[in-house]
Amino acid sequence: MPISAPPAPPAPPIAGATPTDLLGHPLAPHEQQLLASYRSLTALLSIPDLAPTTRANVLDALAALGVAVTSLGLAFEHLTTLDA
């Protein structure tokens, strides 16, 4: 069975547009906050001089948020593709 390519990243949000989940449903305020937290943690991983313990703890927090974000359909990406 061939392995399919990962899905293309979603288009950046249009200014003033209501954010939506992967199915196009508008996000509730708590979902927006959850997604913002997830993206904030992924951005932290791009800092090259994070202390090793900090990086490990960010990855741990990201794993938990990743499950919530994926199960709600807010975003879809394999955490294994992040630079860890």
PDB file of N, CA and C in Angstrom:
ATOM      1  N   MET A   1       0.849  -1.169   0.000  1.00  0.00           N
ATOM      2  CA  MET A   1       0.000   0.000   0.000  1.00  0.00           C
ATOM      3  C   MET A   1       0.893   1.230   0.000  1.00  0.00           C
ATOM      4  N   PRO A   2       0.774   2.104  -0.986  1.00  0.00           N
ATOM      5  CA  PRO A   2       1.647   3.267  -1.058  1.00  0.00           C
ATOM      6  C   PRO A   2       1.325   4.277   0.038  1.00  0.00           C
ATOM      7  N   ILE A   3       2.347   4.967   0.474  1.00  0.00           N
ATOM      8  CA  ILE A   3       2.179   6.003   1.491  1.00  0.00           C
ATOM      9  C   ILE A   3       1.837   7.299   0.777  1.00  0.00           C
ATOM     10  N   SER A   4       0.764   7.934   1.220  1.00  0.00           N
ATOM     11  CA  SER A   4       0.364   9.185   0.582  1.00  0.00           C
ATOM     12  C   SER A   4       1.133  10.350   1.177  1.00  0.00           C
ATOM     13  N   ALA A   5       1.234  11.401   0.404  1.00  0.00           N
ATOM     14  CA  ALA A   5       1.932  12.604   0.856  1.00  0.00           C
ATOM     15  C   ALA A   5       1.107  13.283   1.933  1.00  0.00           C
ATOM     16  N   PRO A   6       1.770  14.006   2.856  1.00  0.00           N
ATOM     17  CA  PRO A   6       1.008  14.715   3.886  1.00  0.00           C
ATOM     18  C   PRO A   6       0.142  15.793   3.249  1.00  0.00           C
ATOM     19  N   PRO A   7      -0.957  16.142   3.911  1.00  0.00           N
ATOM     20  CA  PRO A   7      -1.831  17.163   3.344  1.00  0.00           C
ATOM     21  C   PRO A   7      -1.136  18.511   3.290  1.00  0.00           C
ATOM     22  N   ALA A   8      -1.546  19.333   2.358  1.00  0.00           N
ATOM     23  CA  ALA A   8      -0.979  20.679   2.240  1.00  0.00           C
ATOM     24  C   ALA A   8      -1.385  21.484   3.460  1.00  0.00           C
ATOM     25  N   PRO A   9      -0.512  22.388   3.921  1.00  0.00           N
ATOM     26  CA  PRO A   9      -0.888  23.203   5.077  1.00  0.00           C
ATOM     27  C   PRO A   9      -2.056  24.107   4.719  1.00  0.00           C
ATOM     28  N   PRO A  10      -2.867  24.440   5.723  1.00  0.00           N
ATOM     29  CA  PRO A  10      -4.009  25.301   5.426  1.00  0.00           C
ATOM     30  C   PRO A  10      -3.546  26.688   5.008  1.00  0.00           C
ATOM     31  N   ALA A  11      -4.374  27.347   4.228  1.00  0.00           N
ATOM     32  CA  ALA A  11      -4.058  28.711   3.800  1.00  0.00           C
ATOM     33  C   ALA A  11      -4.070  29.633   5.011  1.00  0.00           C
ATOM     34  N   PRO A  12      -3.247  30.670   4.994  1.00  0.00           N
ATOM     35  CA  PRO A  12      -3.266  31.586   6.127  1.00  0.00           C
ATOM     36  C   PRO A  12      -4.629  32.262   6.236  1.00  0.00           C
ATOM     37  N   PRO A  13      -5.037  32.577   7.468  1.00  0.00           N
ATOM     38  CA  PRO A  13      -6.355  33.181   7.620  1.00  0.00           C
ATOM     39  C   PRO A  13      -6.422  34.558   6.965  1.00  0.00           C
ATOM     40  N   ILE A  14      -7.583  34.874   6.452  1.00  0.00           N
ATOM     41  CA  ILE A  14      -7.810  36.180   5.850  1.00  0.00           C
ATOM     42  C   ILE A  14      -8.128  37.151   6.979  1.00  0.00           C
ATOM     43  N   ALA A  15      -7.520  38.330   6.947  1.00  0.00           N
ATOM     44  CA  ALA A  15      -7.736  39.313   8.005  1.00  0.00           C
ATOM     45  C   ALA A  15      -9.222  39.587   8.178  1.00  0.00           C
ATOM     46  N   GLY A  16      -9.683  39.524   9.406  1.00  0.00           N
ATOM     47  CA  GLY A  16     -11.080  39.794   9.696  1.00  0.00           C
ATOM     48  C   GLY A  16     -11.998  38.597   9.520  1.00  0.00           C
ATOM     49  N   ALA A  17     -11.484  37.500   8.939  1.00  0.00           N
ATOM     50  CA  ALA A  17     -12.308  36.311   8.727  1.00  0.00           C
ATOM     51  C   ALA A  17     -12.378  35.502  10.019  1.00  0.00           C
ATOM     52  N   THR A  18     -13.487  34.833  10.217  1.00  0.00           N
ATOM     53  CA  THR A  18     -13.640  33.973  11.381  1.00  0.00           C
ATOM     54  C   THR A  18     -12.828  32.702  11.160  1.00  0.00           C
ATOM     55  N   PRO A  19     -11.962  32.351  12.111  1.00  0.00           N
ATOM     56  CA  PRO A  19     -11.194  31.108  11.950  1.00  0.00           C
ATOM     57  C   PRO A  19     -12.127  29.895  11.949  1.00  0.00           C
ATOM     58  N   THR A  20     -11.738  28.887  11.196  1.00  0.00           N
ATOM     59  CA  THR A  20     -12.560  27.683  11.097  1.00  0.00           C
ATOM     60  C   THR A  20     -11.726  26.440  11.385  1.00  0.00           C
ATOM     61  N   ASP A  21     -12.427  25.348  11.651  1.00  0.00           N
ATOM     62  CA  ASP A  21     -11.748  24.063  11.821  1.00  0.00           C
ATOM     63  C   ASP A  21     -11.495  23.460  10.445  1.00  0.00           C
ATOM     64  N   LEU A  22     -10.997  22.249  10.421  1.00  0.00           N
ATOM     65  CA  LEU A  22     -10.652  21.608   9.152  1.00  0.00           C
ATOM     66  C   LEU A  22     -11.869  21.312   8.280  1.00  0.00           C
ATOM     67  N   LEU A  23     -13.050  21.310   8.877  1.00  0.00           N
ATOM     68  CA  LEU A  23     -14.276  21.071   8.120  1.00  0.00           C
ATOM     69  C   LEU A  23     -14.980  22.360   7.727  1.00  0.00           C
ATOM     70  N   GLY A  24     -14.408  23.496   8.129  1.00  0.00           N
ATOM     71  CA  GLY A  24     -14.988  24.781   7.771  1.00  0.00           C
ATOM     72  C   GLY A  24     -15.953  25.367   8.787  1.00  0.00           C
ATOM     73  N   HIS A  25     -16.096  24.720   9.935  1.00  0.00           N
ATOM     74  CA  HIS A  25     -16.977  25.243  10.978  1.00  0.00           C
ATOM     75  C   HIS A  25     -16.254  26.339  11.761  1.00  0.00           C
ATOM     76  N   PRO A  26     -16.944  27.416  12.115  1.00  0.00           N
ATOM     77  CA  PRO A  26     -16.306  28.484  12.897  1.00  0.00           C
ATOM     78  C   PRO A  26     -15.824  27.959  14.253  1.00  0.00           C
ATOM     79  N   LEU A  27     -14.690  28.473  14.688  1.00  0.00           N
ATOM     80  CA  LEU A  27     -14.142  28.061  15.978  1.00  0.00           C
ATOM     81  C   LEU A  27     -14.784  28.851  17.104  1.00  0.00           C
ATOM     82  N   ALA A  28     -15.083  28.152  18.180  1.00  0.00           N
ATOM     83  CA  ALA A  28     -15.550  28.800  19.404  1.00  0.00           C
ATOM     84  C   ALA A  28     -14.356  29.520  20.035  1.00  0.00           C
ATOM     85  N   PRO A  29     -14.604  30.501  20.894  1.00  0.00           N
ATOM     86  CA  PRO A  29     -13.482  31.214  21.525  1.00  0.00           C
ATOM     87  C   PRO A  29     -12.503  30.295  22.249  1.00  0.00           C
ATOM     88  N   HIS A  30     -12.997  29.269  22.936  1.00  0.00           N
ATOM     89  CA  HIS A  30     -12.071  28.369  23.634  1.00  0.00           C
ATOM     90  C   HIS A  30     -11.244  27.540  22.640  1.00  0.00           C
ATOM     91  N   GLU A  31     -11.806  27.219  21.481  1.00  0.00           N
ATOM     92  CA  GLU A  31     -11.052  26.496  20.460  1.00  0.00           C
ATOM     93  C   GLU A  31      -9.970  27.396  19.850  1.00  0.00           C
ATOM     94  N   GLN A  32     -10.280  28.654  19.657  1.00  0.00           N
ATOM     95  CA  GLN A  32      -9.289  29.603  19.154  1.00  0.00           C
ATOM     96  C   GLN A  32      -8.128  29.725  20.131  1.00  0.00           C
ATOM     97  N   GLN A  33      -8.450  29.761  21.422  1.00  0.00           N
ATOM     98  CA  GLN A  33      -7.410  29.869  22.440  1.00  0.00           C
ATOM     99  C   GLN A  33      -6.547  28.609  22.474  1.00  0.00           C
ATOM    100  N   LEU A  34      -7.165  27.458  22.361  1.00  0.00           N
ATOM    101  CA  LEU A  34      -6.431  26.189  22.334  1.00  0.00           C
ATOM    102  C   LEU A  34      -5.493  26.135  21.132  1.00  0.00           C
ATOM    103  N   LEU A  35      -5.995  26.533  19.966  1.00  0.00           N
ATOM    104  CA  LEU A  35      -5.176  26.520  18.760  1.00  0.00           C
ATOM    105  C   LEU A  35      -4.032  27.524  18.860  1.00  0.00           C
ATOM    106  N   ALA A  36      -4.299  28.685  19.444  1.00  0.00           N
ATOM    107  CA  ALA A  36      -3.242  29.689  19.626  1.00  0.00           C
ATOM    108  C   ALA A  36      -2.155  29.163  20.561  1.00  0.00           C
ATOM    109  N   SER A  37      -2.537  28.451  21.607  1.00  0.00           N
ATOM    110  CA  SER A  37      -1.557  27.865  22.529  1.00  0.00           C
ATOM    111  C   SER A  37      -0.703  26.823  21.812  1.00  0.00           C
ATOM    112  N   TYR A  38      -1.354  26.002  21.003  1.00  0.00           N
ATOM    113  CA  TYR A  38      -0.650  24.978  20.235  1.00  0.00           C
ATOM    114  C   TYR A  38       0.376  25.619  19.292  1.00  0.00           C
ATOM    115  N   ARG A  39      -0.061  26.652  18.573  1.00  0.00           N
ATOM    116  CA  ARG A  39       0.846  27.322  17.636  1.00  0.00           C
ATOM    117  C   ARG A  39       1.981  28.039  18.360  1.00  0.00           C
ATOM    118  N   SER A  40       1.691  28.555  19.545  1.00  0.00           N
ATOM    119  CA  SER A  40       2.728  29.205  20.336  1.00  0.00           C
ATOM    120  C   SER A  40       3.813  28.205  20.742  1.00  0.00           C
ATOM    121  N   LEU A  41       3.392  27.021  21.137  1.00  0.00           N
ATOM    122  CA  LEU A  41       4.367  25.991  21.511  1.00  0.00           C
ATOM    123  C   LEU A  41       5.174  25.525  20.307  1.00  0.00           C
ATOM    124  N   THR A  42       4.531  25.368  19.159  1.00  0.00           N
ATOM    125  CA  THR A  42       5.293  24.957  17.972  1.00  0.00           C
ATOM    126  C   THR A  42       6.291  26.041  17.580  1.00  0.00           C
ATOM    127  N   ALA A  43       5.937  27.310  17.801  1.00  0.00           N
ATOM    128  CA  ALA A  43       6.864  28.400  17.497  1.00  0.00           C
ATOM    129  C   ALA A  43       8.063  28.366  18.444  1.00  0.00           C
ATOM    130  N   LEU A  44       7.835  27.995  19.686  1.00  0.00           N
ATOM    131  CA  LEU A  44       8.951  27.901  20.635  1.00  0.00           C
ATOM    132  C   LEU A  44       9.999  26.889  20.179  1.00  0.00           C
ATOM    133  N   LEU A  45       9.547  25.821  19.535  1.00  0.00           N
ATOM    134  CA  LEU A  45      10.494  24.798  19.086  1.00  0.00           C
ATOM    135  C   LEU A  45      11.436  25.302  17.998  1.00  0.00           C
ATOM    136  N   SER A  46      11.093  26.399  17.359  1.00  0.00           N
ATOM    137  CA  SER A  46      11.965  26.930  16.308  1.00  0.00           C
ATOM    138  C   SER A  46      13.109  27.765  16.873  1.00  0.00           C
ATOM    139  N   ILE A  47      13.112  27.991  18.174  1.00  0.00           N
ATOM    140  CA  ILE A  47      14.204  28.744  18.804  1.00  0.00           C
ATOM    141  C   ILE A  47      15.387  27.800  18.969  1.00  0.00           C
ATOM    142  N   PRO A  48      16.497  28.103  18.305  1.00  0.00           N
ATOM    143  CA  PRO A  48      17.608  27.145  18.284  1.00  0.00           C
ATOM    144  C   PRO A  48      18.339  26.983  19.617  1.00  0.00           C
ATOM    145  N   ASP A  49      18.316  27.977  20.490  1.00  0.00           N
ATOM    146  CA  ASP A  49      19.116  27.874  21.712  1.00  0.00           C
ATOM    147  C   ASP A  49      18.280  27.613  22.965  1.00  0.00           C
ATOM    148  N   LEU A  50      17.156  26.927  22.802  1.00  0.00           N
ATOM    149  CA  LEU A  50      16.377  26.525  23.974  1.00  0.00           C
ATOM    150  C   LEU A  50      17.188  25.530  24.790  1.00  0.00           C
ATOM    151  N   ALA A  51      17.102  25.664  26.099  1.00  0.00           N
ATOM    152  CA  ALA A  51      17.765  24.684  26.963  1.00  0.00           C
ATOM    153  C   ALA A  51      17.140  23.312  26.714  1.00  0.00           C
ATOM    154  N   PRO A  52      17.942  22.260  26.795  1.00  0.00           N
ATOM    155  CA  PRO A  52      17.403  20.920  26.531  1.00  0.00           C
ATOM    156  C   PRO A  52      16.192  20.566  27.395  1.00  0.00           C
ATOM    157  N   THR A  53      16.201  20.956  28.661  1.00  0.00           N
ATOM    158  CA  THR A  53      15.055  20.639  29.515  1.00  0.00           C
ATOM    159  C   THR A  53      13.828  21.444  29.101  1.00  0.00           C
ATOM    160  N   THR A  54      14.050  22.656  28.654  1.00  0.00           N
ATOM    161  CA  THR A  54      12.933  23.476  28.174  1.00  0.00           C
ATOM    162  C   THR A  54      12.336  22.847  26.926  1.00  0.00           C
ATOM    163  N   ARG A  55      13.191  22.451  25.996  1.00  0.00           N
ATOM    164  CA  ARG A  55      12.719  21.811  24.766  1.00  0.00           C
ATOM    165  C   ARG A  55      11.922  20.542  25.095  1.00  0.00           C
ATOM    166  N   ALA A  56      12.414  19.756  26.014  1.00  0.00           N
ATOM    167  CA  ALA A  56      11.723  18.516  26.385  1.00  0.00           C
ATOM    168  C   ALA A  56      10.351  18.803  26.982  1.00  0.00           C
ATOM    169  N   ASN A  57      10.268  19.813  27.816  1.00  0.00           N
ATOM    170  CA  ASN A  57       8.984  20.145  28.433  1.00  0.00           C
ATOM    171  C   ASN A  57       8.015  20.770  27.438  1.00  0.00           C
ATOM    172  N   VAL A  58       8.519  21.552  26.502  1.00  0.00           N
ATOM    173  CA  VAL A  58       7.657  22.106  25.452  1.00  0.00           C
ATOM    174  C   VAL A  58       7.106  20.968  24.596  1.00  0.00           C
ATOM    175  N   LEU A  59       7.945  20.008  24.262  1.00  0.00           N
ATOM    176  CA  LEU A  59       7.483  18.854  23.483  1.00  0.00           C
ATOM    177  C   LEU A  59       6.433  18.049  24.247  1.00  0.00           C
ATOM    178  N   ASP A  60       6.619  17.915  25.549  1.00  0.00           N
ATOM    179  CA  ASP A  60       5.655  17.189  26.370  1.00  0.00           C
ATOM    180  C   ASP A  60       4.307  17.908  26.364  1.00  0.00           C
ATOM    181  N   ALA A  61       4.325  19.215  26.551  1.00  0.00           N
ATOM    182  CA  ALA A  61       3.084  19.992  26.527  1.00  0.00           C
ATOM    183  C   ALA A  61       2.456  19.959  25.142  1.00  0.00           C
ATOM    184  N   LEU A  62       3.290  20.023  24.127  1.00  0.00           N
ATOM    185  CA  LEU A  62       2.800  20.008  22.761  1.00  0.00           C
ATOM    186  C   LEU A  62       2.124  18.684  22.420  1.00  0.00           C
ATOM    187  N   ALA A  63       2.639  17.600  22.953  1.00  0.00           N
ATOM    188  CA  ALA A  63       2.018  16.294  22.692  1.00  0.00           C
ATOM    189  C   ALA A  63       0.593  16.261  23.223  1.00  0.00           C
ATOM    190  N   ALA A  64       0.390  16.776  24.430  1.00  0.00           N
ATOM    191  CA  ALA A  64      -0.953  16.785  25.007  1.00  0.00           C
ATOM    192  C   ALA A  64      -1.886  17.710  24.217  1.00  0.00           C
ATOM    193  N   LEU A  65      -1.414  18.903  23.898  1.00  0.00           N
ATOM    194  CA  LEU A  65      -2.242  19.826  23.123  1.00  0.00           C
ATOM    195  C   LEU A  65      -2.497  19.291  21.719  1.00  0.00           C
ATOM    196  N   GLY A  66      -1.502  18.612  21.175  1.00  0.00           N
ATOM    197  CA  GLY A  66      -1.654  18.053  19.830  1.00  0.00           C
ATOM    198  C   GLY A  66      -2.805  17.070  19.740  1.00  0.00           C
ATOM    199  N   VAL A  67      -3.003  16.276  20.775  1.00  0.00           N
ATOM    200  CA  VAL A  67      -4.118  15.328  20.791  1.00  0.00           C
ATOM    201  C   VAL A  67      -5.440  16.087  20.790  1.00  0.00           C
ATOM    202  N   ALA A  68      -5.540  17.121  21.617  1.00  0.00           N
ATOM    203  CA  ALA A  68      -6.782  17.905  21.686  1.00  0.00           C
ATOM    204  C   ALA A  68      -7.060  18.623  20.369  1.00  0.00           C
ATOM    205  N   VAL A  69      -6.030  19.248  19.811  1.00  0.00           N
ATOM    206  CA  VAL A  69      -6.185  20.010  18.564  1.00  0.00           C
ATOM    207  C   VAL A  69      -6.571  19.096  17.411  1.00  0.00           C
ATOM    208  N   THR A  70      -5.971  17.931  17.355  1.00  0.00           N
ATOM    209  CA  THR A  70      -6.272  16.988  16.281  1.00  0.00           C
ATOM    210  C   THR A  70      -7.668  16.390  16.447  1.00  0.00           C
ATOM    211  N   SER A  71      -8.021  16.010  17.678  1.00  0.00           N
ATOM    212  CA  SER A  71      -9.327  15.382  17.879  1.00  0.00           C
ATOM    213  C   SER A  71     -10.476  16.356  17.646  1.00  0.00           C
ATOM    214  N   LEU A  72     -10.239  17.653  17.859  1.00  0.00           N
ATOM    215  CA  LEU A  72     -11.260  18.654  17.572  1.00  0.00           C
ATOM    216  C   LEU A  72     -11.255  19.085  16.109  1.00  0.00           C
ATOM    217  N   GLY A  73     -10.273  18.635  15.355  1.00  0.00           N
ATOM    218  CA  GLY A  73     -10.188  18.996  13.943  1.00  0.00           C
ATOM    219  C   GLY A  73      -9.763  20.444  13.727  1.00  0.00           C
ATOM    220  N   LEU A  74      -8.998  20.982  14.665  1.00  0.00           N
ATOM    221  CA  LEU A  74      -8.553  22.367  14.543  1.00  0.00           C
ATOM    222  C   LEU A  74      -7.334  22.483  13.637  1.00  0.00           C
ATOM    223  N   ALA A  75      -6.506  21.469  13.648  1.00  0.00           N
ATOM    224  CA  ALA A  75      -5.305  21.422  12.810  1.00  0.00           C
ATOM    225  C   ALA A  75      -4.912  19.957  12.678  1.00  0.00           C
ATOM    226  N   PHE A  76      -4.155  19.669  11.655  1.00  0.00           N
ATOM    227  CA  PHE A  76      -3.668  18.301  11.476  1.00  0.00           C
ATOM    228  C   PHE A  76      -2.235  18.356  10.989  1.00  0.00           C
ATOM    229  N   GLU A  77      -1.353  17.859  11.818  1.00  0.00           N
ATOM    230  CA  GLU A  77       0.043  17.704  11.421  1.00  0.00           C
ATOM    231  C   GLU A  77       0.640  16.618  12.292  1.00  0.00           C
ATOM    232  N   HIS A  78       1.591  15.943  11.760  1.00  0.00           N
ATOM    233  CA  HIS A  78       2.267  14.905  12.514  1.00  0.00           C
ATOM    234  C   HIS A  78       3.333  15.584  13.356  1.00  0.00           C
ATOM    235  N   LEU A  79       3.273  15.374  14.655  1.00  0.00           N
ATOM    236  CA  LEU A  79       4.253  15.984  15.540  1.00  0.00           C
ATOM    237  C   LEU A  79       5.652  15.466  15.274  1.00  0.00           C
ATOM    238  N   THR A  80       5.750  14.313  14.637  1.00  0.00           N
ATOM    239  CA  THR A  80       7.070  13.772  14.331  1.00  0.00           C
ATOM    240  C   THR A  80       7.782  14.582  13.257  1.00  0.00           C
ATOM    241  N   THR A  81       7.043  15.437  12.546  1.00  0.00           N
ATOM    242  CA  THR A  81       7.671  16.248  11.516  1.00  0.00           C
ATOM    243  C   THR A  81       8.255  17.551  12.060  1.00  0.00           C
ATOM    244  N   LEU A  82       7.936  17.855  13.337  1.00  0.00           N
ATOM    245  CA  LEU A  82       8.495  19.058  13.931  1.00  0.00           C
ATOM    246  C   LEU A  82       9.954  18.826  14.256  1.00  0.00           C
ATOM    247  N   ASP A  83      10.751  19.846  14.151  1.00  0.00           N
ATOM    248  CA  ASP A  83      12.180  19.740  14.453  1.00  0.00           C
ATOM    249  C   ASP A  83      12.351  19.592  15.949  1.00  0.00           C
ATOM    250  N   ALA A  84      12.620  18.395  16.378  1.00  0.00           N
ATOM    251  CA  ALA A  84      12.789  18.147  17.811  1.00  0.00           C
ATOM    252  C   ALA A  84      14.194  17.750  18.028  1.00  0.00           C
TER     253      ALA A  84
END
